[in-house]
Amino acid sequence: DLLVKQPFEGAPTALDVRIFEVTDDIVLQMARELCLEANRQKQFTDLAKFKLRCLVCQKGLVGEADAQAHAQETAKSGAPHINFAEY
């Protein structure tokens, strides 16, 4: 996900800062705190256990590995299913 910083509260998104200096310890600490809070709130996707559906054939799948296997298996027929949605 993209990490942005608003220059001031209510600033238009066109002013969002999207590139940060790698030597900026303050920004690094703020990013770490944001990540820790998101993790505490379970705001992440477990790539091994998330449920998704193939949008081509509607097959239900679990995890990234299932999606990759499904894409590889369907590719053998010449039309790989590579369009998925999480649910």
Protein backbone atom coordinates (compact mmCIF):
# COMPACT_ATOMS: atom_id res chain seq x y z
CA ASP A 1 0.00 0.00 0.00
CA LEU A 2 1.05 3.53 -0.67
CA LEU A 3 2.15 5.61 2.30
CA VAL A 4 1.42 9.32 1.99
CA LYS A 5 1.77 12.29 4.30
CA GLN A 6 -0.51 15.31 4.17
CA PRO A 7 1.35 18.62 4.49
CA PHE A 8 -1.57 19.91 6.61
CA GLU A 9 -5.00 18.70 7.75
CA GLY A 10 -7.51 18.84 4.90
CA ALA A 11 -4.87 19.40 2.23
CA PRO A 12 -5.87 18.35 -1.29
CA THR A 13 -4.50 14.95 -2.30
CA ALA A 14 -2.46 16.62 -5.05
CA LEU A 15 -0.22 17.98 -2.27
CA ASP A 16 0.33 14.60 -0.57
CA VAL A 17 3.98 13.67 -0.13
CA ARG A 18 4.63 10.22 -1.62
CA ILE A 19 8.41 10.08 -1.76
CA PHE A 20 10.50 10.24 1.38
CA GLU A 21 14.22 10.45 2.05
CA VAL A 22 15.56 7.10 3.26
CA THR A 23 17.62 8.96 5.85
CA ASP A 24 14.58 10.69 7.41
CA ASP A 25 14.36 8.95 10.79
CA ILE A 26 11.21 10.84 11.79
CA VAL A 27 9.29 9.58 8.76
CA LEU A 28 10.66 6.08 9.31
CA GLN A 29 9.45 6.09 12.93
CA MET A 30 6.02 7.39 11.88
CA ALA A 31 5.75 4.61 9.27
CA ARG A 32 6.71 1.98 11.84
CA GLU A 33 4.06 3.25 14.26
CA LEU A 34 1.44 3.23 11.50
CA CYS A 35 2.34 -0.35 10.57
CA LEU A 36 2.22 -1.53 14.18
CA GLU A 37 -1.21 0.04 14.68
CA ALA A 38 -2.55 -1.49 11.46
CA ASN A 39 -1.21 -4.88 12.56
CA ARG A 40 -2.84 -4.54 16.00
CA GLN A 41 -6.14 -3.82 14.29
CA LYS A 42 -5.70 -6.85 12.01
CA GLN A 43 -5.62 -4.61 8.93
CA PHE A 44 -3.69 -7.00 6.75
CA THR A 45 -4.32 -9.92 4.43
CA ASP A 46 -3.07 -13.37 5.39
CA LEU A 47 -1.84 -14.52 1.97
CA ALA A 48 -2.03 -18.19 2.99
CA LYS A 49 -5.62 -18.09 4.26
CA PHE A 50 -7.57 -15.36 2.49
CA LYS A 51 -10.59 -16.43 0.45
CA LEU A 52 -10.85 -15.50 -3.17
CA ARG A 53 -12.88 -16.40 -6.22
CA CYS A 54 -11.81 -16.85 -9.81
CA LEU A 55 -13.78 -14.26 -11.77
CA VAL A 56 -13.56 -16.38 -14.92
CA CYS A 57 -15.09 -19.66 -13.68
CA GLN A 58 -16.29 -18.61 -10.18
CA LYS A 59 -14.26 -21.32 -8.44
CA GLY A 60 -13.65 -20.59 -4.75
CA LEU A 61 -10.01 -20.68 -3.66
CA VAL A 62 -8.06 -20.22 -0.44
CA GLY A 63 -4.73 -18.41 -0.40
CA GLU A 64 -2.18 -17.23 -2.86
CA ALA A 65 -0.92 -20.76 -3.53
CA ASP A 66 -4.38 -21.95 -4.66
CA ALA A 67 -4.73 -18.96 -6.97
CA GLN A 68 -1.33 -19.59 -8.55
CA ALA A 69 -2.07 -23.31 -8.97
CA HIS A 70 -5.45 -22.52 -10.55
CA ALA A 71 -3.85 -20.07 -12.99
CA GLN A 72 -1.18 -22.61 -13.94
CA GLU A 73 -3.70 -25.44 -14.36
CA THR A 74 -6.05 -23.37 -16.53
CA ALA A 75 -3.10 -22.12 -18.60
CA LYS A 76 -2.70 -25.65 -19.91
CA SER A 77 -5.94 -25.15 -21.87
CA GLY A 78 -4.51 -22.00 -23.43
CA ALA A 79 -6.67 -19.55 -21.45
CA PRO A 80 -5.20 -18.98 -17.98
CA HIS A 81 -7.60 -17.74 -15.34
CA ILE A 82 -5.76 -14.81 -13.76
CA ASN A 83 -8.61 -12.58 -12.62
CA PHE A 84 -9.46 -13.04 -8.92
CA ALA A 85 -11.37 -11.17 -6.25
CA GLU A 86 -11.12 -11.45 -2.47
CA TYR A 87 -14.32 -12.09 -0.55
